[in-house]
N, C-alpha and C. Protein backbone atom coordinates (compact mmCIF):
# COMPACT_ATOMS: atom_id res chain seq x y z
N UNK A 1 1.07 -1.76 0.11
CA UNK A 1 -0.25 -0.41 0.02
C UNK A 1 0.73 1.23 0.09
N UNK A 2 2.10 0.94 0.87
CA UNK A 2 2.62 2.26 1.19
C UNK A 2 3.42 2.58 -0.42
N UNK A 3 3.82 1.51 -1.44
CA UNK A 3 4.75 1.76 -2.42
C UNK A 3 3.45 2.37 -3.30
N UNK A 4 2.61 1.93 -3.66
CA UNK A 4 1.26 3.06 -4.63
C UNK A 4 1.12 4.19 -4.57
N UNK A 5 0.82 4.04 -2.85
CA UNK A 5 0.34 5.33 -2.24
C UNK A 5 2.42 6.67 -3.56
N UNK A 6 3.03 6.58 -2.81
CA UNK A 6 4.65 6.81 -3.55
C UNK A 6 4.50 6.97 -4.25
N UNK A 7 4.72 5.77 -4.97
CA UNK A 7 3.85 5.89 -6.58
C UNK A 7 3.35 6.49 -7.26
N UNK A 8 1.67 6.58 -6.71
CA UNK A 8 1.19 7.84 -6.52
C UNK A 8 1.46 8.89 -6.86
N UNK A 9 1.70 9.23 -5.24
CA UNK A 9 2.45 10.58 -5.04
C UNK A 9 3.56 11.26 -6.40
N UNK A 10 4.57 10.65 -6.38
CA UNK A 10 5.59 11.02 -7.55
C UNK A 10 4.82 11.05 -9.06
N UNK A 11 4.38 9.74 -9.60
CA UNK A 11 3.10 10.73 -11.06
C UNK A 11 2.29 11.74 -10.72
N UNK A 12 1.72 12.47 -10.07
CA UNK A 12 0.77 13.64 -9.21
C UNK A 12 2.61 14.84 -9.87
N UNK A 13 3.46 14.67 -8.56
CA UNK A 13 4.42 15.28 -8.55
C UNK A 13 5.23 15.52 -9.88
N UNK A 14 5.30 14.76 -11.24
CA UNK A 14 5.97 14.81 -12.22
C UNK A 14 5.07 15.48 -12.92
N UNK A 15 3.51 14.96 -13.18
CA UNK A 15 3.05 15.69 -13.50
C UNK A 15 2.54 17.45 -13.73
N UNK A 16 2.31 17.75 -12.48
CA UNK A 16 2.24 18.96 -11.73
C UNK A 16 3.38 19.81 -11.91
N UNK A 17 4.44 19.13 -12.10
CA UNK A 17 5.63 19.68 -12.80
C UNK A 17 5.71 19.64 -14.58
N UNK A 18 5.58 19.15 -15.30
CA UNK A 18 5.30 18.21 -16.83
C UNK A 18 3.76 20.32 -16.69
N UNK A 19 3.76 19.64 -16.71
CA UNK A 19 2.13 20.89 -17.17
C UNK A 19 2.52 22.77 -16.39
N UNK A 20 3.71 22.87 -15.04
CA UNK A 20 3.82 23.66 -15.03
C UNK A 20 5.46 24.14 -16.61
N UNK A 21 5.75 23.05 -16.43
CA UNK A 21 6.59 23.65 -17.66
C UNK A 21 6.62 24.76 -18.30
N UNK A 22 8.29 25.15 -19.15
CA UNK A 22 8.11 26.02 -19.85
C UNK A 22 7.97 25.88 -21.31
N UNK A 23 7.73 26.19 -22.41
CA UNK A 23 8.51 25.75 -23.78
C UNK A 23 9.35 26.78 -23.99
N UNK A 24 10.29 26.52 -23.14
CA UNK A 24 11.63 27.10 -24.01
C UNK A 24 11.99 27.43 -25.23
N UNK A 25 11.68 26.73 -25.67
CA UNK A 25 12.13 26.75 -27.06
C UNK A 25 11.61 28.12 -28.26
N UNK A 26 10.23 28.08 -27.81
CA UNK A 26 9.40 29.39 -27.77
C UNK A 26 10.04 30.63 -28.20
N UNK A 27 10.88 31.05 -27.50
CA UNK A 27 12.21 32.04 -27.30
C UNK A 27 12.81 31.89 -27.76
N UNK A 28 14.11 30.67 -28.01
CA UNK A 28 15.77 30.76 -28.34
C UNK A 28 15.36 29.32 -29.45
N UNK A 29 16.84 29.71 -30.61
CA UNK A 29 16.87 28.56 -30.20
C UNK A 29 17.98 27.90 -29.83
N UNK A 30 18.79 29.41 -29.68
CA UNK A 30 20.33 29.28 -29.06
C UNK A 30 20.85 28.28 -28.46
N UNK A 31 21.45 27.17 -27.29
CA UNK A 31 21.57 25.93 -26.99
C UNK A 31 21.80 26.97 -25.51
N UNK A 32 22.42 28.15 -25.87
CA UNK A 32 23.06 28.71 -24.52
C UNK A 32 22.05 29.53 -24.34
N UNK A 33 21.23 30.32 -24.61
CA UNK A 33 20.27 30.80 -24.64
C UNK A 33 19.22 29.91 -23.33
N UNK A 34 18.80 29.09 -23.87
CA UNK A 34 18.17 27.95 -23.45
C UNK A 34 18.66 27.68 -21.95
N UNK A 35 19.58 27.10 -22.29
CA UNK A 35 20.19 26.73 -21.21
C UNK A 35 20.02 27.68 -19.75
N UNK A 36 20.28 28.84 -19.91
CA UNK A 36 20.27 30.10 -19.26
C UNK A 36 18.07 29.81 -18.83
N UNK A 37 17.49 29.36 -20.16
CA UNK A 37 16.16 29.98 -19.20
C UNK A 37 15.63 28.21 -18.98
N UNK A 38 16.64 27.41 -19.12
CA UNK A 38 16.12 26.39 -18.23
C UNK A 38 16.52 26.44 -16.28
N UNK A 39 17.76 27.59 -16.27
CA UNK A 39 18.20 27.44 -14.87
C UNK A 39 16.68 28.34 -14.73
N UNK A 40 16.52 29.34 -14.80
CA UNK A 40 15.24 30.30 -14.29
C UNK A 40 14.31 29.34 -13.62
N UNK A 41 13.23 28.09 -15.33
CA UNK A 41 11.86 27.44 -14.92
C UNK A 41 12.68 26.20 -13.94
N UNK A 42 13.80 26.44 -13.47
CA UNK A 42 14.25 25.45 -12.04
C UNK A 42 14.10 26.36 -11.47
N UNK A 43 14.18 27.24 -11.54
CA UNK A 43 13.88 27.85 -9.56
C UNK A 43 12.32 28.50 -9.45
N UNK A 44 11.95 28.00 -11.08
CA UNK A 44 10.57 28.64 -10.93
C UNK A 44 9.90 30.17 -10.83
N UNK A 45 11.50 30.70 -11.80
CA UNK A 45 11.05 32.05 -11.57
C UNK A 45 9.86 32.79 -12.86
N UNK A 46 8.51 32.46 -12.01
CA UNK A 46 6.78 32.34 -13.07
C UNK A 46 7.12 33.69 -13.72
N UNK A 47 7.38 34.56 -12.55
CA UNK A 47 7.03 36.53 -13.13
C UNK A 47 7.79 36.97 -14.49
N UNK A 48 8.84 36.28 -13.83
CA UNK A 48 10.10 36.49 -15.66
C UNK A 48 9.44 35.84 -17.24
N UNK A 49 9.10 34.75 -16.89
CA UNK A 49 8.61 33.85 -17.99
C UNK A 49 6.86 35.11 -18.63
N UNK A 50 6.28 34.76 -17.12
CA UNK A 50 5.42 36.28 -17.46
C UNK A 50 5.56 37.24 -18.14
N UNK A 51 6.28 37.98 -18.11
CA UNK A 51 7.05 39.51 -18.65
C UNK A 51 7.84 38.85 -20.16
N UNK A 52 7.66 37.84 -19.92
CA UNK A 52 8.44 36.91 -21.94
C UNK A 52 7.08 36.97 -22.52
N UNK A 53 5.70 35.54 -21.72
CA UNK A 53 4.76 35.80 -23.03
C UNK A 53 4.12 37.28 -23.02
N UNK A 54 4.37 38.21 -21.68
CA UNK A 54 3.40 39.37 -22.41
C UNK A 54 4.42 40.07 -23.87
N UNK A 55 5.33 39.68 -23.70
CA UNK A 55 6.26 40.75 -24.85
C UNK A 55 6.42 40.18 -25.99
N UNK A 56 5.74 38.46 -25.50
CA UNK A 56 5.33 37.61 -26.98
C UNK A 56 7.64 37.64 -27.64
N UNK A 57 8.49 37.71 -26.75
CA UNK A 57 9.40 37.23 -26.76
C UNK A 57 10.08 36.94 -27.99
N UNK A 58 11.66 37.16 -28.97
CA UNK A 58 12.07 36.04 -29.20
C UNK A 58 13.37 36.61 -28.28
N UNK A 59 14.24 35.87 -27.98
CA UNK A 59 15.94 36.56 -27.64
C UNK A 59 16.65 35.82 -28.12
N UNK A 60 18.21 36.19 -28.63
CA UNK A 60 19.69 36.26 -29.65
C UNK A 60 20.34 37.16 -29.38
N UNK A 61 21.75 36.33 -29.29
CA UNK A 61 22.61 37.57 -29.28
C UNK A 61 22.57 38.12 -30.84
N UNK A 62 23.22 39.09 -30.45
CA UNK A 62 23.34 40.07 -31.42
C UNK A 62 24.59 40.89 -31.79
N UNK A 63 25.38 41.14 -32.25
CA UNK A 63 26.63 41.64 -32.65
C UNK A 63 26.59 43.49 -32.75
N UNK A 64 26.86 44.38 -31.69
CA UNK A 64 25.97 45.09 -31.20
C UNK A 64 26.78 46.17 -32.14
N UNK A 65 27.69 45.97 -32.15
CA UNK A 65 28.82 46.59 -32.71
C UNK A 65 28.01 46.77 -34.37
N UNK A 66 26.87 46.23 -35.45
CA UNK A 66 27.04 46.64 -36.71
C UNK A 66 26.21 47.65 -36.09
N UNK A 67 25.20 47.83 -34.95
CA UNK A 67 24.46 48.73 -35.14
C UNK A 67 25.18 50.37 -34.79
N UNK A 68 25.70 50.16 -33.52
CA UNK A 68 26.94 51.36 -33.67
C UNK A 68 27.92 50.99 -32.92
N UNK A 69 28.62 52.17 -33.06
CA UNK A 69 29.77 51.21 -32.67
C UNK A 69 29.67 51.53 -30.91
N UNK A 70 28.86 52.73 -30.80
CA UNK A 70 29.13 52.56 -29.48
C UNK A 70 28.23 51.74 -28.82
N UNK A 71 26.99 51.21 -29.45
CA UNK A 71 26.35 50.38 -29.10
C UNK A 71 27.37 48.80 -28.29
N UNK A 72 28.16 49.39 -29.05
CA UNK A 72 29.64 48.40 -28.39
C UNK A 72 29.18 46.96 -27.43
N UNK A 73 29.54 47.72 -25.93
CA UNK A 73 29.74 47.59 -24.55
C UNK A 73 28.03 47.52 -23.73
N UNK A 74 27.19 47.90 -24.71
CA UNK A 74 25.79 47.42 -24.38
C UNK A 74 25.37 45.60 -23.62
N UNK A 75 24.93 46.01 -22.96
CA UNK A 75 24.73 44.25 -22.52
C UNK A 75 23.71 43.68 -23.06
N UNK A 76 22.87 44.64 -23.20
CA UNK A 76 21.56 43.89 -23.99
C UNK A 76 20.45 44.86 -24.36
N UNK A 77 19.14 44.33 -25.11
CA UNK A 77 18.20 45.66 -24.82
C UNK A 77 17.09 44.74 -25.57
N UNK A 78 16.16 45.80 -25.83
CA UNK A 78 14.74 44.60 -26.55
C UNK A 78 14.47 45.33 -27.56
N UNK A 79 14.61 44.85 -28.34
CA UNK A 79 14.51 45.86 -29.95
C UNK A 79 13.08 45.19 -30.90
N UNK A 80 12.66 45.59 -32.35
CA UNK A 80 11.88 45.22 -32.46
C UNK A 80 11.97 45.61 -34.00
N UNK A 81 11.19 44.23 -34.82
CA UNK A 81 11.31 44.23 -36.03
C UNK A 81 10.52 43.78 -36.46
N UNK A 82 10.13 44.79 -37.64
CA UNK A 82 8.00 44.31 -38.74
C UNK A 82 7.10 44.35 -36.95
N UNK A 83 6.42 42.82 -36.50
CA UNK A 83 6.00 42.69 -35.74
C UNK A 83 6.44 42.50 -34.29
N UNK A 84 7.63 41.96 -34.21
CA UNK A 84 8.49 40.71 -33.90
C UNK A 84 9.68 41.64 -32.24
N UNK A 85 8.82 41.39 -31.63
CA UNK A 85 10.41 41.97 -30.23
C UNK A 85 10.67 40.85 -30.01
N UNK A 86 12.01 41.60 -30.20
CA UNK A 86 13.22 40.53 -29.15
C UNK A 86 14.19 40.87 -28.19
N UNK A 87 14.61 40.10 -27.32
CA UNK A 87 15.84 40.37 -26.49
C UNK A 87 16.69 40.46 -26.93
N UNK A 88 17.94 41.15 -27.44
CA UNK A 88 19.08 40.79 -28.17
C UNK A 88 20.11 41.60 -26.87
N UNK A 89 20.51 39.94 -27.07
CA UNK A 89 22.26 39.85 -25.99
C UNK A 89 23.51 40.17 -27.06
N UNK A 90 23.88 41.03 -26.38
CA UNK A 90 25.39 40.81 -26.94
C UNK A 90 26.20 39.59 -27.11
N UNK A 91 26.22 39.67 -28.34
CA UNK A 91 27.03 38.74 -28.78
C UNK A 91 28.80 38.54 -27.94
N UNK A 92 28.50 39.46 -27.09
CA UNK A 92 30.43 39.06 -26.77
C UNK A 92 29.90 38.63 -26.27
N UNK A 93 29.02 38.93 -25.02
CA UNK A 93 28.79 37.92 -23.52
C UNK A 93 28.21 36.53 -24.07
N UNK A 94 28.27 35.61 -25.29
CA UNK A 94 27.32 33.95 -25.27
C UNK A 94 28.10 33.28 -24.55
N UNK A 95 29.69 33.81 -24.75
CA UNK A 95 29.98 32.63 -23.69
C UNK A 95 30.26 32.99 -21.81
N UNK A 96 29.77 33.88 -21.50
CA UNK A 96 29.47 34.27 -20.19
C UNK A 96 29.35 32.87 -20.16
N UNK A 97 28.89 32.70 -18.72
CA UNK A 97 27.87 30.93 -17.51
C UNK A 97 26.55 31.11 -18.06
N UNK A 98 25.76 30.67 -17.74
CA UNK A 98 24.50 30.58 -17.40
C UNK A 98 23.81 31.02 -17.07
N UNK A 99 24.10 31.42 -16.05
CA UNK A 99 23.29 32.23 -14.61
C UNK A 99 23.59 33.48 -15.04
N UNK A 100 25.34 34.10 -15.83
CA UNK A 100 25.10 35.89 -16.06
C UNK A 100 23.99 35.49 -17.29
N UNK A 101 23.91 34.96 -18.61
CA UNK A 101 22.86 34.80 -19.39
C UNK A 101 21.71 35.29 -19.08
N UNK A 102 21.14 34.86 -17.79
CA UNK A 102 19.94 34.22 -17.32
C UNK A 102 19.83 35.99 -16.86
N UNK A 103 20.37 36.10 -15.72
CA UNK A 103 20.18 37.77 -15.22
C UNK A 103 20.42 38.75 -16.39
N UNK A 104 20.61 38.02 -17.73
CA UNK A 104 20.56 39.94 -18.47
C UNK A 104 19.13 39.12 -19.33
N UNK A 105 18.79 38.08 -18.84
CA UNK A 105 17.34 38.28 -19.52
C UNK A 105 16.23 37.85 -18.27
N UNK A 106 17.05 38.48 -17.86
CA UNK A 106 15.32 38.94 -16.49
C UNK A 106 15.09 40.24 -16.69
N UNK A 107 16.55 41.28 -16.12
CA UNK A 107 16.88 42.86 -16.79
C UNK A 107 15.79 43.44 -18.24
N UNK A 108 16.29 42.29 -19.47
CA UNK A 108 15.85 43.24 -19.96
C UNK A 108 13.94 42.89 -20.10
N UNK A 109 13.92 41.29 -19.66
CA UNK A 109 12.18 41.03 -19.16
C UNK A 109 11.61 41.85 -18.81
N UNK A 110 12.39 43.05 -17.84
CA UNK A 110 10.90 44.28 -17.24
C UNK A 110 10.47 45.31 -17.62
N UNK A 111 11.42 45.28 -18.67
CA UNK A 111 11.74 46.28 -19.36
C UNK A 111 9.95 46.45 -19.63
N UNK A 112 9.05 47.55 -19.73
CA UNK A 112 7.72 47.14 -20.26
C UNK A 112 7.26 48.60 -21.61
N UNK A 113 8.13 50.01 -20.81
CA UNK A 113 7.87 51.50 -21.23
C UNK A 113 8.68 51.34 -22.99
N UNK A 114 8.42 52.25 -22.96
CA UNK A 114 8.94 52.70 -25.43
C UNK A 114 9.90 52.40 -24.85
N UNK A 115 10.00 54.26 -24.06
CA UNK A 115 10.67 55.00 -23.16
C UNK A 115 10.96 54.31 -21.48
N UNK A 116 11.92 53.66 -21.36
CA UNK A 116 12.30 53.61 -20.04
C UNK A 116 13.10 54.68 -19.15
N UNK A 117 12.59 55.04 -18.48
CA UNK A 117 12.29 55.85 -16.33
C UNK A 117 13.43 55.06 -16.24
N UNK A 118 13.86 56.54 -15.90
CA UNK A 118 14.23 55.99 -14.23
C UNK A 118 13.59 54.99 -13.61
N UNK A 119 12.53 54.64 -12.80
CA UNK A 119 12.66 53.45 -12.00
C UNK A 119 12.17 52.14 -12.86
N UNK A 120 12.28 52.41 -13.65
CA UNK A 120 12.27 51.55 -14.76
C UNK A 120 13.05 50.22 -14.33
N UNK A 121 13.97 51.37 -15.39
CA UNK A 121 15.85 50.93 -15.53
C UNK A 121 16.08 50.68 -13.69
N UNK A 122 15.89 50.72 -12.50
CA UNK A 122 16.67 50.65 -11.23
C UNK A 122 15.76 49.96 -10.71
N UNK A 123 14.45 49.41 -11.16
CA UNK A 123 13.70 47.55 -11.23
C UNK A 123 14.10 46.81 -11.88
N UNK A 124 14.22 47.20 -13.34
CA UNK A 124 14.97 45.81 -14.22
C UNK A 124 16.99 45.71 -13.32
N UNK A 125 17.21 46.56 -12.88
CA UNK A 125 18.50 46.48 -12.23
C UNK A 125 18.49 45.52 -11.19
N UNK A 126 17.41 46.25 -10.21
CA UNK A 126 17.78 44.92 -9.41
C UNK A 126 17.58 43.84 -9.19
N UNK A 127 16.08 43.90 -9.20
CA UNK A 127 16.01 42.20 -9.99
C UNK A 127 17.12 41.35 -10.90
N UNK A 128 17.93 42.45 -11.47
CA UNK A 128 18.68 41.54 -12.31
C UNK A 128 19.97 40.89 -11.31
N UNK A 129 20.21 42.22 -9.83
CA UNK A 129 20.92 41.40 -9.15
C UNK A 129 20.86 40.72 -7.73
N UNK A 130 18.92 40.25 -8.06
CA UNK A 130 18.41 39.42 -7.00
C UNK A 130 18.23 37.85 -7.86
N UNK A 131 18.30 37.87 -8.75
CA UNK A 131 17.99 36.96 -10.18
C UNK A 131 19.99 36.27 -10.10
N UNK A 132 20.62 37.10 -9.69
CA UNK A 132 22.28 36.91 -9.91
C UNK A 132 22.62 36.41 -8.39
N UNK A 133 21.87 36.43 -7.53
CA UNK A 133 22.11 36.06 -5.86
C UNK A 133 21.28 34.94 -6.34
N UNK A 134 20.36 34.35 -6.22
CA UNK A 134 19.73 33.23 -7.16
C UNK A 134 20.36 32.47 -7.16
N UNK A 135 20.65 33.14 -8.41
CA UNK A 135 21.12 31.96 -9.80
C UNK A 135 22.51 31.24 -9.56
N UNK A 136 23.51 32.01 -8.77
CA UNK A 136 24.35 31.86 -8.63
C UNK A 136 24.57 30.00 -7.96
N UNK A 137 26.17 29.91 -8.32
CA UNK A 137 26.37 28.25 -8.34
C UNK A 137 27.52 28.14 -7.57
N UNK A 138 27.42 27.81 -6.50
CA UNK A 138 28.29 27.10 -4.95
C UNK A 138 29.79 27.00 -5.81
N UNK A 139 29.25 25.62 -6.29
CA UNK A 139 30.65 25.15 -6.45
C UNK A 139 30.97 25.24 -7.66
N UNK A 140 31.08 26.34 -8.56
CA UNK A 140 31.67 26.62 -9.52
C UNK A 140 32.38 27.81 -9.68
N UNK A 141 34.07 28.45 -9.86
CA UNK A 141 33.64 29.47 -10.10
C UNK A 141 33.73 30.52 -11.16
N UNK A 142 33.31 31.37 -10.64
CA UNK A 142 33.17 31.86 -12.09
C UNK A 142 34.21 33.03 -11.85
N UNK A 143 35.00 33.37 -13.27
CA UNK A 143 35.86 34.51 -14.08
C UNK A 143 35.34 35.50 -13.58
N UNK A 144 36.07 36.45 -12.29
CA UNK A 144 36.38 37.23 -12.05
C UNK A 144 36.23 38.42 -12.72
N UNK A 145 37.09 37.72 -13.92
CA UNK A 145 37.36 39.29 -14.95
C UNK A 145 36.16 38.93 -16.08
N UNK A 146 35.84 38.04 -15.92
CA UNK A 146 34.44 38.42 -16.97
C UNK A 146 33.88 39.35 -16.83
N UNK A 147 34.14 40.38 -17.40
CA UNK A 147 33.18 41.89 -17.97
C UNK A 147 31.32 41.73 -16.83
N UNK A 148 31.30 40.52 -17.19
CA UNK A 148 29.14 40.64 -17.18
C UNK A 148 29.37 39.36 -15.53
N UNK A 149 30.14 39.60 -15.38
CA UNK A 149 30.48 38.25 -14.22
C UNK A 149 30.69 39.14 -13.21
N UNK A 150 31.73 40.36 -13.47
CA UNK A 150 32.25 41.50 -12.36
C UNK A 150 31.39 42.48 -11.74
N UNK A 151 30.30 42.97 -13.92
CA UNK A 151 28.77 44.06 -13.08
C UNK A 151 28.10 43.42 -12.47
N UNK A 152 27.63 41.70 -12.33
CA UNK A 152 26.72 40.95 -11.09
C UNK A 152 26.86 41.81 -10.27
N UNK A 153 27.89 40.84 -9.95
CA UNK A 153 28.70 41.02 -8.97
C UNK A 153 28.84 41.74 -8.15
N UNK A 154 28.91 43.16 -8.89
CA UNK A 154 28.69 45.05 -8.15
C UNK A 154 27.49 45.29 -8.04
N UNK A 155 26.74 44.40 -8.76
CA UNK A 155 25.32 45.41 -7.88
C UNK A 155 24.28 43.82 -7.39
N UNK A 156 25.32 43.04 -7.36
CA UNK A 156 24.82 41.99 -5.99
C UNK A 156 25.22 42.81 -4.95
N UNK A 157 26.76 43.26 -4.57
CA UNK A 157 27.37 44.00 -3.57
C UNK A 157 26.31 45.26 -3.14
N UNK A 158 26.12 46.34 -4.07
CA UNK A 158 24.60 47.24 -3.84
C UNK A 158 23.71 47.24 -3.71
N UNK A 159 23.08 45.96 -3.99
CA UNK A 159 22.11 45.64 -3.83
C UNK A 159 21.77 44.98 -2.08
N UNK A 160 22.70 43.80 -2.50
CA UNK A 160 23.19 43.71 -0.14
C UNK A 160 23.56 45.31 0.02
N UNK A 161 23.88 45.98 0.53
CA UNK A 161 24.61 47.29 1.42
C UNK A 161 23.70 48.37 1.09
N UNK A 162 22.19 47.85 0.58
CA UNK A 162 21.18 48.84 -0.24
C UNK A 162 20.67 48.84 1.57
N UNK A 163 19.79 49.61 2.02
CA UNK A 163 18.61 50.39 2.30
C UNK A 163 17.46 50.10 2.36
N UNK A 164 16.22 50.69 3.24
CA UNK A 164 15.14 51.22 2.48
C UNK A 164 15.31 53.20 2.06
N UNK A 165 16.27 54.03 3.13
CA UNK A 165 16.21 55.08 2.32
C UNK A 165 17.57 55.08 1.70
N UNK A 166 18.07 54.50 1.39
CA UNK A 166 19.97 53.92 0.84
C UNK A 166 20.01 53.28 -0.68
N UNK A 167 19.04 53.27 -1.26
CA UNK A 167 19.18 52.17 -2.07
C UNK A 167 20.01 53.13 -2.84
N UNK A 168 21.67 52.18 -3.36
CA UNK A 168 22.26 52.13 -3.84
C UNK A 168 22.76 52.02 -5.58
N UNK A 169 21.68 51.23 -6.33
CA UNK A 169 21.72 50.96 -7.16
C UNK A 169 20.38 51.63 -7.59
N UNK A 170 19.90 52.37 -6.97
CA UNK A 170 19.12 53.66 -7.74
C UNK A 170 20.14 55.29 -7.73
N UNK A 171 21.09 54.96 -6.50
CA UNK A 171 22.46 55.91 -6.54
C UNK A 171 23.40 55.85 -8.35
N UNK A 172 23.82 55.23 -7.97
CA UNK A 172 24.29 54.48 -9.27
C UNK A 172 23.56 54.79 -10.53
N UNK A 173 22.88 54.11 -10.26
CA UNK A 173 21.74 54.54 -12.05
C UNK A 173 21.54 55.77 -12.12
N UNK A 174 21.76 56.41 -11.76
CA UNK A 174 20.77 58.46 -11.14
C UNK A 174 22.21 58.98 -11.87
N UNK A 175 23.21 58.58 -11.27
CA UNK A 175 24.29 58.85 -11.21
C UNK A 175 25.72 58.97 -12.66
N UNK A 176 24.54 58.03 -13.56
CA UNK A 176 25.54 57.24 -14.59
C UNK A 176 25.73 57.90 -15.35
N UNK A 177 26.95 58.67 -16.45
CA UNK A 177 26.18 59.41 -17.69
C UNK A 177 25.42 58.62 -18.95
N UNK A 178 26.49 57.47 -19.44
CA UNK A 178 25.32 56.28 -19.71
C UNK A 178 23.71 56.15 -19.26
N UNK A 179 23.25 56.47 -17.88
CA UNK A 179 21.56 55.81 -18.07
C UNK A 179 21.20 57.91 -18.28
N UNK A 180 22.19 58.67 -17.17
CA UNK A 180 21.33 59.58 -18.15
C UNK A 180 21.05 60.57 -19.01
N UNK A 181 21.36 59.56 -20.46
CA UNK A 181 21.58 60.41 -21.63
C UNK A 181 20.33 59.29 -22.16
N UNK A 182 19.68 57.61 -21.98
CA UNK A 182 19.48 56.96 -21.98
C UNK A 182 18.04 57.78 -21.70
N UNK A 183 17.99 58.08 -20.61
CA UNK A 183 16.75 58.63 -19.64
C UNK A 183 16.28 59.41 -19.59
N UNK A 184 17.25 60.80 -20.61
CA UNK A 184 16.49 62.19 -20.73
C UNK A 184 15.90 62.88 -20.81
N UNK A 185 14.87 63.29 -20.92
CA UNK A 185 13.75 63.09 -21.81
C UNK A 185 13.20 63.99 -23.22
N UNK A 186 12.52 63.92 -23.76
CA UNK A 186 13.05 63.79 -25.61
C UNK A 186 12.74 65.52 -25.07
């Protein structure tokens, strides 16, 4: 009787997990991006997949220097071609750990406005830091010289050191020349 009950519970859990599993392939065909999305799926990052579904995006790597040399150091961005919306990840980071790629997807998934605001950028960056803390694998030795890893570690430190009346991520974004030029009113 115990074996039957355990088997039924196992099947129930498996069927529930299968029912809620994301169809990762609808977002990208790139195995690195799919690996990153699987990491998010494994930690039940429902809010990220809700955002991706809402925007009906495809995710791919892109050489930003082809757009403009000034874009060559941007980590990721949202774009649109015809009716198709994209999250483009700078191809400079395609060999980064999947946890780091997942964090770029997290950041871009929270952009909802056609023209980002300071508040939206703070939310996106804060979520990126939170998910970096969730996704890091303590058994891995991440390359601290990797530009993306260094950025995520800085964001994590800022988030950890922040408090309600002293948001260090807000301060960093508000004082960044890059974001000042990106977020200025037209």
